[in-house]
Protein backbone atom coordinates (compact mmCIF):
# COMPACT_ATOMS: atom_id res chain seq x y z
CA MET A 1 54.33 173.58 168.12
CA PHE A 2 57.54 173.66 170.11
CA GLY A 3 59.45 171.92 167.26
CA ASN A 4 58.24 174.38 164.61
CA GLU A 5 59.22 177.49 166.57
CA SER A 6 62.72 176.07 167.24
CA MET A 7 63.31 175.32 163.55
CA LYS A 8 62.39 178.90 162.65
CA THR A 9 65.10 180.30 164.94
CA LEU A 10 67.89 178.05 163.51
CA PRO A 11 70.08 179.26 160.60
CA ARG A 12 69.32 177.61 157.24
CA GLY A 13 72.72 175.88 157.18
CA ALA A 14 72.18 174.32 160.57
CA ILE A 15 68.80 172.99 159.48
CA LEU A 16 70.28 171.39 156.35
CA LEU A 17 73.03 169.83 158.46
CA ALA A 18 70.56 168.47 161.01
CA LEU A 19 68.24 166.81 158.48
CA PRO A 20 70.59 163.88 157.57
CA ILE A 21 71.27 163.24 161.28
CA LEU A 22 67.55 163.19 162.01
CA PHE A 23 66.94 160.81 159.07
CA PHE A 24 69.58 158.30 160.15
CA ALA A 25 68.44 158.42 163.78
CA THR A 26 64.85 157.66 162.73
CA ALA A 27 65.97 154.85 160.40
CA SER A 28 68.16 153.31 163.12
CA PHE A 29 65.29 153.33 165.59
CA ALA A 30 62.99 151.65 163.06
CA LEU A 31 65.62 148.97 162.30
CA LEU A 32 66.19 148.29 166.00
CA PHE A 33 62.44 147.90 166.54
CA SER A 34 62.15 145.45 163.63
CA VAL A 35 65.10 143.31 164.84
CA SER A 36 63.65 143.20 168.37
CA GLY A 37 60.32 142.06 166.98
CA LEU A 38 61.98 139.28 164.98
CA ALA A 39 63.89 138.13 168.04
CA LEU A 40 60.68 137.88 170.04
CA ILE A 41 58.98 135.90 167.27
CA SER A 42 61.94 133.50 167.03
CA ALA A 43 61.99 133.01 170.79
CA SER A 44 58.32 132.02 170.78
CA ASP A 45 58.68 129.41 168.01
CA THR A 46 59.67 126.57 170.37
CA PRO A 47 56.37 126.13 172.27
CA ILE A 48 54.44 126.47 169.03
CA ALA A 49 51.43 124.45 170.13
CA ALA A 50 50.69 126.55 173.19
CA SER A 51 51.31 129.89 171.47
CA PHE A 52 49.29 128.89 168.41
CA LEU A 53 46.33 127.44 170.25
CA GLY A 54 46.26 129.95 173.08
CA SER A 55 42.95 129.90 174.92
CA GLN A 56 41.60 127.41 172.38
CA ILE A 57 43.29 124.56 174.29
CA PHE A 58 40.65 124.45 177.01
CA THR A 59 36.88 124.67 177.06
CA SER A 60 37.30 126.03 180.60
CA PRO A 61 40.33 126.69 182.83
CA PRO A 62 42.30 123.45 183.42
CA PRO A 63 42.13 121.97 186.92
CA GLU A 64 45.04 122.38 189.30
CA GLU A 65 45.09 118.70 190.25
CA GLY A 66 44.74 115.46 188.29
CA ALA A 67 41.57 115.39 186.20
CA ILE A 68 38.66 113.02 186.78
CA LEU A 69 38.14 110.18 184.31
CA GLY A 70 35.82 111.36 181.56
CA GLU A 71 35.86 115.03 182.58
CA SER A 72 38.49 116.65 180.35
CA THR A 73 38.40 120.37 179.57
CA VAL A 74 40.82 120.06 176.63
CA THR A 75 39.20 120.71 173.24
CA GLU A 76 39.21 117.95 170.64
CA GLU A 77 41.22 120.17 168.28
CA ALA A 78 44.05 120.51 170.80
CA ARG A 79 44.27 116.86 171.84
CA PRO A 80 46.31 115.54 168.87
CA ILE A 81 49.00 118.17 169.39
CA ILE A 82 49.11 117.75 173.16
CA LEU A 83 49.22 113.94 173.04
CA ARG A 84 51.91 113.77 170.36
CA GLN A 85 54.15 116.33 172.06
CA PHE A 86 53.55 114.71 175.45
CA LEU A 87 54.66 111.28 174.20
CA GLU A 88 57.60 112.81 172.34
CA SER A 89 58.72 114.52 175.55
CA TYR A 90 59.02 111.05 177.11
CA TYR A 91 60.74 109.65 173.99
CA SER A 92 57.92 107.14 173.76
CA PRO A 93 57.70 104.61 170.90
CA LEU A 94 53.97 105.35 171.00
CA ALA A 95 54.38 108.93 169.77
CA PRO A 96 53.86 108.04 166.07
CA TYR A 97 50.58 106.36 167.07
CA SER A 98 49.08 109.31 168.96
CA ASP A 99 46.38 109.89 166.33
CA LEU A 100 45.44 106.22 166.42
CA ILE A 101 45.24 106.28 170.22
CA LEU A 102 42.79 109.18 170.02
CA ALA A 103 40.73 107.61 167.24
CA VAL A 104 40.45 104.24 168.99
CA SER A 105 39.66 105.90 172.32
CA GLN A 106 36.82 107.77 170.66
CA GLU A 107 35.61 104.59 168.94
CA TYR A 108 35.30 102.75 172.26
CA GLY A 109 34.15 105.73 174.30
CA LEU A 110 37.29 105.97 176.45
CA ASP A 111 38.70 109.05 178.08
CA TRP A 112 41.29 110.30 175.55
CA ARG A 113 44.01 110.19 178.23
CA LEU A 114 43.37 106.74 179.66
CA LEU A 115 45.32 104.48 177.26
CA THR A 116 48.35 106.75 177.45
CA ALA A 117 48.19 107.13 181.23
CA ILE A 118 48.01 103.35 181.74
CA ALA A 119 51.00 102.93 179.42
CA GLY A 120 52.82 105.47 181.58
CA ALA A 121 52.04 103.58 184.78
CA GLU A 122 52.88 100.15 183.34
CA SER A 123 55.92 100.78 181.13
CA THR A 124 56.89 104.48 181.17
CA PHE A 125 55.08 104.91 177.86
CA ALA A 126 56.46 101.75 176.22
CA ARG A 127 60.08 102.47 177.09
CA ASN A 128 60.31 99.47 179.43
CA VAL A 129 58.80 96.53 177.58
CA ILE A 130 59.85 93.12 176.32
CA ASP A 131 61.49 93.54 172.91
CA GLY A 132 59.06 92.88 170.09
CA CYS A 133 56.13 92.37 172.43
CA ASN A 134 54.33 95.66 171.65
CA ASN A 135 52.57 95.58 175.01
CA ALA A 136 52.95 98.84 176.93
CA TRP A 137 49.88 98.36 179.12
CA GLY A 138 50.68 95.26 181.16
CA TRP A 139 47.67 93.68 179.44
CA GLY A 140 47.54 89.93 179.94
CA ILE A 141 50.85 89.86 181.80
CA HIS A 142 50.72 87.44 184.73
CA SER A 143 52.50 84.47 186.29
CA ARG A 144 51.45 82.18 183.41
CA GLY A 145 53.20 84.29 180.80
CA THR A 146 53.08 87.51 178.84
CA LEU A 147 50.58 88.46 176.15
CA CYS A 148 52.30 90.01 173.14
CA PHE A 149 50.88 91.81 170.11
CA ASP A 150 52.13 91.68 166.54
CA SER A 151 52.17 95.48 166.32
CA TRP A 152 51.55 98.62 168.33
CA GLU A 153 48.35 99.09 166.35
CA GLU A 154 47.06 95.70 167.50
CA GLY A 155 48.03 96.46 171.08
CA ILE A 156 46.26 99.81 171.10
CA ARG A 157 43.06 98.36 169.64
CA THR A 158 43.04 95.26 171.85
CA VAL A 159 43.55 97.15 175.10
CA ALA A 160 40.99 99.82 174.18
CA GLN A 161 38.39 97.19 173.37
CA GLY A 162 39.21 95.28 176.55
CA LEU A 163 38.85 98.38 178.71
CA ARG A 164 35.44 99.03 177.22
CA GLU A 165 34.12 95.45 177.41
CA LYS A 166 35.69 94.24 180.66
CA PHE A 167 35.75 97.42 182.73
CA LEU A 168 33.58 100.32 181.60
CA ASN A 169 30.68 98.12 180.48
CA ASP A 170 30.73 96.55 183.95
CA GLY A 171 30.25 99.96 185.53
CA LEU A 172 33.88 100.58 186.50
CA THR A 173 34.14 104.25 185.60
CA THR A 174 36.79 105.68 187.93
CA VAL A 175 40.53 105.12 188.04
CA ASP A 176 40.32 103.46 191.47
CA GLU A 177 37.53 101.11 190.36
CA ILE A 178 39.51 100.13 187.27
CA MET A 179 42.64 99.62 189.40
CA ALA A 180 40.86 97.12 191.68
CA ARG A 181 40.44 94.78 188.70
CA TYR A 182 43.30 95.84 186.44
CA ALA A 183 46.07 95.96 189.06
CA PRO A 184 44.66 94.50 192.31
CA LEU A 185 48.11 93.94 193.80
CA SER A 186 48.58 97.70 193.76
CA LEU A 187 45.96 97.99 196.48
CA ASP A 188 48.44 96.41 198.88
CA ASN A 189 50.93 99.24 198.42
CA GLY A 190 48.57 102.16 198.75
CA GLY A 191 47.16 102.20 195.24
CA SER A 192 50.32 103.32 193.47
CA TRP A 193 48.95 102.20 190.08
CA GLY A 194 45.90 104.41 190.42
CA TYR A 195 48.03 107.30 191.61
CA ALA A 196 50.34 106.98 188.59
CA VAL A 197 47.46 106.79 186.11
CA SER A 198 45.76 109.82 187.65
CA TYR A 199 49.07 111.69 187.69
CA PHE A 200 49.71 111.16 183.98
CA MET A 201 46.12 112.03 183.16
CA GLY A 202 46.61 115.29 185.02
CA GLU A 203 49.80 116.02 183.10
CA LEU A 204 48.00 115.48 179.81
CA GLU A 205 45.13 117.67 180.94
CA ARG A 206 47.51 120.54 181.70
CA ALA A 207 49.74 119.86 178.64
CA ASP A 208 52.56 119.50 181.16
CA TYR A 209 55.35 117.95 179.11
CA HIS A 210 58.26 115.97 180.54
CA GLU A 211 61.55 117.91 180.80
């Protein structure tokens, strides 16, 4: 109402002069709003997994501390993205095999984080291994020699099967119980192996990528 009364009191020439100014001001505001929106969209492109998945990542709020073996809240749909980006953040040679790690873990009934977390504790996700050995898990490495695999695929499958048959099937279902057989020497230094495995499992659970 206030705008209409003001226009009535203005001379016709002043109104005609004001119309182009009003048009350009409105157009400029609309352009500025559009550019700002594009800038915000571009800025959010980097963490695409988190922004795309949103609340679909978790079946319930993720825990603050390292997760318990077998009790993940991350949905199956989110796991391939999280695992691949997690391994890529560590520049791991295992990153191209993230889908295989998940598939084999499911085949043998392993926690989806376990194979990766053990590789983190043993070799910083396959970054510190014997050349051509394809063994990121310290599997079969002892004073008598080192067990090597012909490929990463063979290593992933062999270790997954071994964890199922020699650990979980024997009732060892926690990280500490697995450590007592897998890395018994670690018990002498406060259980550092178990701490590292639990730590990396917690990072995966929270999709906390390496910087």
